[in-house]
Protein backbone atom coordinates (compact mmCIF):
# COMPACT_ATOMS: atom_id res chain seq x y z
CA MET A 1 95.63 100.65 72.62
CA ILE A 2 92.59 102.51 73.89
CA GLY A 3 91.15 99.21 75.10
CA LEU A 4 94.41 98.37 76.87
CA ALA A 5 94.49 101.78 78.54
CA GLY A 6 90.90 101.28 79.64
CA LEU A 7 91.77 97.87 81.07
CA GLY A 8 94.65 99.39 83.02
CA ALA A 9 92.39 102.10 84.47
CA ILE A 10 89.67 99.62 85.44
CA LEU A 11 92.15 97.28 87.13
CA ALA A 12 93.69 100.25 88.94
CA SER A 13 90.26 101.15 90.27
CA PHE A 14 89.87 97.62 91.67
CA ILE A 15 93.39 97.72 93.11
CA GLY A 16 92.49 101.00 94.85
CA VAL A 17 89.48 99.40 96.52
CA LEU A 18 91.59 96.40 97.48
CA ALA A 19 94.30 98.59 99.05
CA GLU A 20 91.69 100.57 100.98
CA ARG A 21 89.79 97.60 102.41
CA VAL A 22 92.38 94.83 103.01
CA HIS A 23 93.01 94.25 106.72
CA THR A 24 90.25 96.69 107.70
CA GLY A 25 87.41 94.16 108.12
CA ALA A 26 85.57 95.53 105.07
CA SER A 27 84.86 93.18 102.18
CA PHE A 28 86.33 94.08 98.82
CA VAL A 29 84.17 91.44 97.10
CA THR A 30 80.62 92.24 98.24
CA GLY A 31 80.92 95.68 99.78
CA ARG A 32 79.52 98.53 97.64
CA SER A 33 81.67 101.60 97.04
CA HIS A 34 80.42 104.65 98.92
CA CYS A 35 81.35 108.22 99.71
CA ASN A 36 83.49 108.31 102.85
CA SER A 37 81.86 111.58 103.93
CA CYS A 38 78.10 111.12 103.43
CA ASN A 39 78.13 107.30 103.02
CA ARG A 40 76.06 107.46 99.81
CA GLN A 41 76.47 104.37 97.66
CA LEU A 42 78.18 105.25 94.41
CA SER A 43 76.41 104.57 91.13
CA ALA A 44 77.98 103.34 87.92
CA LEU A 45 78.23 106.97 86.81
CA ASP A 46 80.46 107.70 89.81
CA LEU A 47 82.78 104.78 89.15
CA VAL A 48 84.05 105.38 85.62
CA PRO A 49 87.86 105.54 86.03
CA VAL A 50 89.35 109.04 85.62
CA PHE A 51 86.22 110.34 83.81
CA SER A 52 83.91 110.43 86.87
CA TRP A 53 86.42 112.25 89.04
CA THR A 54 87.15 114.78 86.28
CA VAL A 55 83.50 115.50 85.47
CA SER A 56 82.53 115.91 89.14
CA GLY A 57 85.43 118.27 89.75
CA GLY A 58 86.88 115.86 92.29
CA ARG A 59 83.88 116.18 94.62
CA CYS A 60 81.02 113.95 95.76
CA ARG A 61 77.87 114.75 93.75
CA THR A 62 75.75 114.63 96.94
CA CYS A 63 77.69 116.26 99.78
CA LYS A 64 80.34 118.04 97.67
CA ALA A 65 83.14 116.66 99.84
CA ARG A 66 86.50 116.36 98.09
CA VAL A 67 87.23 112.94 96.64
CA PRO A 68 90.89 111.92 97.07
CA TYR A 69 92.78 112.29 93.81
CA LEU A 70 95.23 109.50 94.64
CA TYR A 71 93.18 106.72 93.11
CA THR A 72 92.41 108.77 89.99
CA VAL A 73 96.14 109.35 89.55
CA SER A 74 96.74 105.61 89.91
CA GLU A 75 94.07 104.88 87.28
CA ALA A 76 95.66 107.28 84.80
CA THR A 77 99.12 105.96 85.63
CA LEU A 78 98.24 102.31 85.08
CA ALA A 79 96.43 103.18 81.86
CA LEU A 80 99.65 104.81 80.63
CA LEU A 81 101.85 101.95 81.85
CA PHE A 82 99.71 99.35 80.13
CA VAL A 83 100.12 101.21 76.83
CA LEU A 84 103.87 101.76 77.29
CA ALA A 85 104.37 98.10 78.20
CA TYR A 86 102.50 96.97 75.09
CA MET A 87 104.63 99.28 72.94
CA LYS A 88 107.78 97.81 74.50
CA PHE A 89 106.94 94.10 74.62
CA GLY A 90 104.04 93.56 72.23
CA LEU A 91 101.80 90.57 72.90
CA SER A 92 104.24 88.30 74.67
CA PRO A 93 104.89 86.46 77.96
CA LEU A 94 107.02 89.42 79.04
CA LEU A 95 104.02 91.72 78.67
CA ALA A 96 101.89 89.47 80.88
CA LEU A 97 104.61 89.22 83.54
CA PHE A 98 105.31 92.95 83.49
CA LEU A 99 101.64 93.90 83.79
CA ALA A 100 101.18 91.43 86.64
CA ALA A 101 104.16 93.01 88.42
CA VAL A 102 102.77 96.52 87.83
CA LEU A 103 99.40 95.56 89.31
CA VAL A 104 100.98 94.08 92.44
CA LEU A 105 103.31 97.08 92.70
CA ALA A 106 100.34 99.46 92.44
CA PHE A 107 98.64 97.65 95.33
CA ILE A 108 101.81 97.89 97.44
CA VAL A 109 102.23 101.60 96.69
CA LEU A 110 98.62 102.47 97.52
CA TYR A 111 98.65 100.31 100.64
CA ASP A 112 101.94 101.84 101.79
CA LEU A 113 100.63 105.36 101.24
CA ARG A 114 97.53 104.59 103.26
CA HIS A 115 98.99 102.44 106.06
CA THR A 116 102.77 103.19 105.88
CA VAL A 117 103.57 99.47 105.77
CA VAL A 118 104.39 97.03 102.99
CA PRO A 119 102.19 93.90 103.08
CA PRO A 120 104.54 90.86 103.14
CA LEU A 121 102.34 88.64 100.97
CA ALA A 122 102.18 91.28 98.25
CA SER A 123 105.94 91.92 98.29
CA GLY A 124 106.54 88.17 98.18
CA LEU A 125 104.25 87.80 95.17
CA LEU A 126 106.03 90.69 93.47
CA SER A 127 109.38 88.96 94.05
CA VAL A 128 108.14 85.73 92.46
CA ILE A 129 106.88 87.59 89.39
CA ALA A 130 110.13 89.60 89.18
CA VAL A 131 112.27 86.43 89.25
CA ALA A 132 110.19 84.93 86.44
CA PHE A 133 110.45 88.18 84.45
CA ALA A 134 114.23 88.30 84.86
CA PHE A 135 114.67 84.71 83.60
CA VAL A 136 112.49 85.39 80.55
CA ALA A 137 113.87 88.85 79.79
CA TYR A 138 117.59 88.39 80.45
CA GLY A 139 118.20 84.79 79.45
CA GLY A 140 120.42 82.36 81.29
CA GLY A 141 123.89 83.76 80.62
CA GLN A 142 126.21 86.32 82.17
CA LEU A 143 123.64 89.12 81.93
CA LEU A 144 121.20 87.23 84.12
CA GLY A 145 123.91 86.64 86.72
CA THR A 146 124.79 90.33 86.70
CA VAL A 147 121.13 91.28 87.11
CA PHE A 148 120.72 88.98 90.13
CA LEU A 149 123.98 90.21 91.65
CA SER A 150 123.00 93.86 91.26
CA ALA A 151 119.55 93.20 92.72
CA GLY A 152 121.07 91.35 95.67
CA ILE A 153 123.49 94.19 96.41
CA ILE A 154 120.74 96.81 96.28
CA ALA A 155 118.35 94.78 98.44
CA SER A 156 121.14 94.06 100.96
CA GLY A 157 121.85 97.78 101.16
CA PHE A 158 118.24 98.50 102.06
CA LEU A 159 118.28 95.72 104.64
CA LEU A 160 121.45 97.09 106.24
CA ILE A 161 119.95 100.58 106.43
CA PHE A 162 116.92 99.09 108.19
CA LEU A 163 119.08 97.14 110.66
CA PHE A 164 121.53 99.89 111.51
CA SER A 165 118.80 102.53 111.88
CA ARG A 166 116.56 100.08 113.76
CA GLY A 167 113.76 100.83 111.35
CA ARG A 168 113.91 104.60 111.73
CA ALA A 169 115.46 105.38 108.33
CA MET A 170 113.97 102.58 106.25
CA GLY A 171 111.23 99.99 106.63
CA LEU A 172 111.91 96.26 106.39
CA GLY A 173 109.41 95.96 103.52
CA ASP A 174 111.43 98.27 101.26
CA SER A 175 114.16 95.66 100.74
CA PRO A 176 112.09 93.00 98.91
CA VAL A 177 110.41 95.69 96.81
CA ALA A 178 113.83 97.07 95.82
CA LEU A 179 114.97 93.51 95.01
CA SER A 180 111.97 92.92 92.76
CA LEU A 181 112.23 96.23 90.94
CA SER A 182 115.96 95.71 90.42
CA LEU A 183 115.31 92.31 88.84
CA ILE A 184 112.75 93.84 86.49
CA ALA A 185 114.88 96.87 85.62
CA GLY A 186 117.91 94.66 84.97
CA PRO A 187 120.83 96.75 83.66
CA ALA A 188 118.94 99.93 84.64
CA ALA A 189 118.71 98.88 88.32
CA PHE A 190 121.30 101.30 89.71
CA ALA A 191 119.86 104.14 87.61
CA GLY A 192 116.44 103.33 89.08
CA LEU A 193 117.88 103.40 92.59
CA LEU A 194 119.47 106.78 91.95
CA PHE A 195 116.26 108.20 90.50
CA SER A 196 114.35 106.93 93.54
CA PHE A 197 116.59 108.73 96.01
CA TRP A 198 116.60 111.91 93.92
CA ILE A 199 112.81 111.97 93.74
CA GLY A 200 112.51 111.11 97.43
CA ALA A 201 114.91 113.89 98.39
CA ILE A 202 113.05 116.49 96.30
CA ILE A 203 109.63 115.50 97.66
CA GLY A 204 110.98 115.32 101.22
CA ILE A 205 112.45 118.83 100.98
CA CYS A 206 109.17 120.16 99.57
CA ILE A 207 107.23 118.61 102.48
CA LEU A 208 109.63 120.10 105.01
CA VAL A 209 109.49 123.55 103.46
CA SER A 210 105.70 123.52 103.24
CA ARG A 211 105.22 122.66 106.92
CA PRO A 212 105.26 125.21 109.75
CA LYS A 213 108.62 125.61 111.47
CA GLY A 214 107.46 124.00 114.69
CA HIS A 215 106.11 120.90 112.95
CA ARG A 216 109.03 119.68 110.87
CA MET A 217 110.14 116.80 113.08
CA GLY A 218 108.92 113.21 112.91
CA ILE A 219 107.76 113.27 109.30
CA GLU A 220 107.16 109.72 108.05
CA VAL A 221 107.15 109.41 104.26
CA PRO A 222 106.74 105.96 102.63
CA PHE A 223 109.67 105.24 100.31
CA VAL A 224 108.09 102.54 98.15
CA PRO A 225 106.26 105.10 95.94
CA PHE A 226 109.60 106.73 95.17
CA LEU A 227 111.09 103.33 94.34
CA ALA A 228 108.22 102.62 91.97
CA VAL A 229 108.52 105.95 90.14
CA GLY A 230 112.32 105.88 90.01
CA TYR A 231 112.64 102.34 88.70
CA LEU A 232 109.83 102.67 86.15
CA LEU A 233 111.41 105.89 84.90
CA ALA A 234 114.77 104.17 84.49
CA PHE A 235 113.20 101.09 82.91
CA PHE A 236 111.28 102.92 80.20
CA THR A 237 113.84 105.65 79.44
CA GLN A 238 116.95 103.47 79.87
CA TRP A 239 118.75 106.65 80.87
CA ASN A 240 121.83 106.14 83.02
CA PRO A 241 122.52 109.44 84.85
CA LEU A 242 125.93 108.09 85.89
CA THR A 243 127.13 108.41 82.31
CA LEU A 244 125.34 111.71 81.66
CA GLY A 245 123.92 110.29 78.48
CA PHE A 246 121.43 107.85 76.96
């Protein structure tokens, strides 16, 4: 499991670079990682997932500028998710599909946090993987039909919010992500949706309270990260808050 956790952290590090450089003109294949403050090229010692950031105290070893913790959090999170997924699925096609979905989802989350937009190609790829996962995980009977119906209702709700608010309350890219996560969560889809809104509300209130009184209007907070956390929480715990039980 240690090897699997390490693989998750390493892939998360690559996903972080990908999310930072895509559509910016910078190459994510040949370009060397560097400090964004002093432009020093990072050595192998600086690029060990989680470990390097922890040892350096979250600062560049040359200029002492703070290194964003977001990518370190994503490395630790994917390491944990890889282990949890293995414990849930074992070595199986479901494990491969789930990990592929998690990697694409991580890219979407990091990209959305950085650019406040969901890349269409990534959300489309996530949808394809989610459909394949649903067919393998939930069979071809009534359960599969219920899963697709629930996912369609949830995704349509997001789309309607986008249309009626003219994009002010919800982005267009949130709908396909919600569809994909609902297909993966299956019977836990509505619980995941509820968790997402709860988490989003709590974080939104905290942001409002922490800002000065004259600067509390026009706050734009990406919702995809809340969807990711809410649905993954529901998927792994299988807790349905609507029944107040497990």
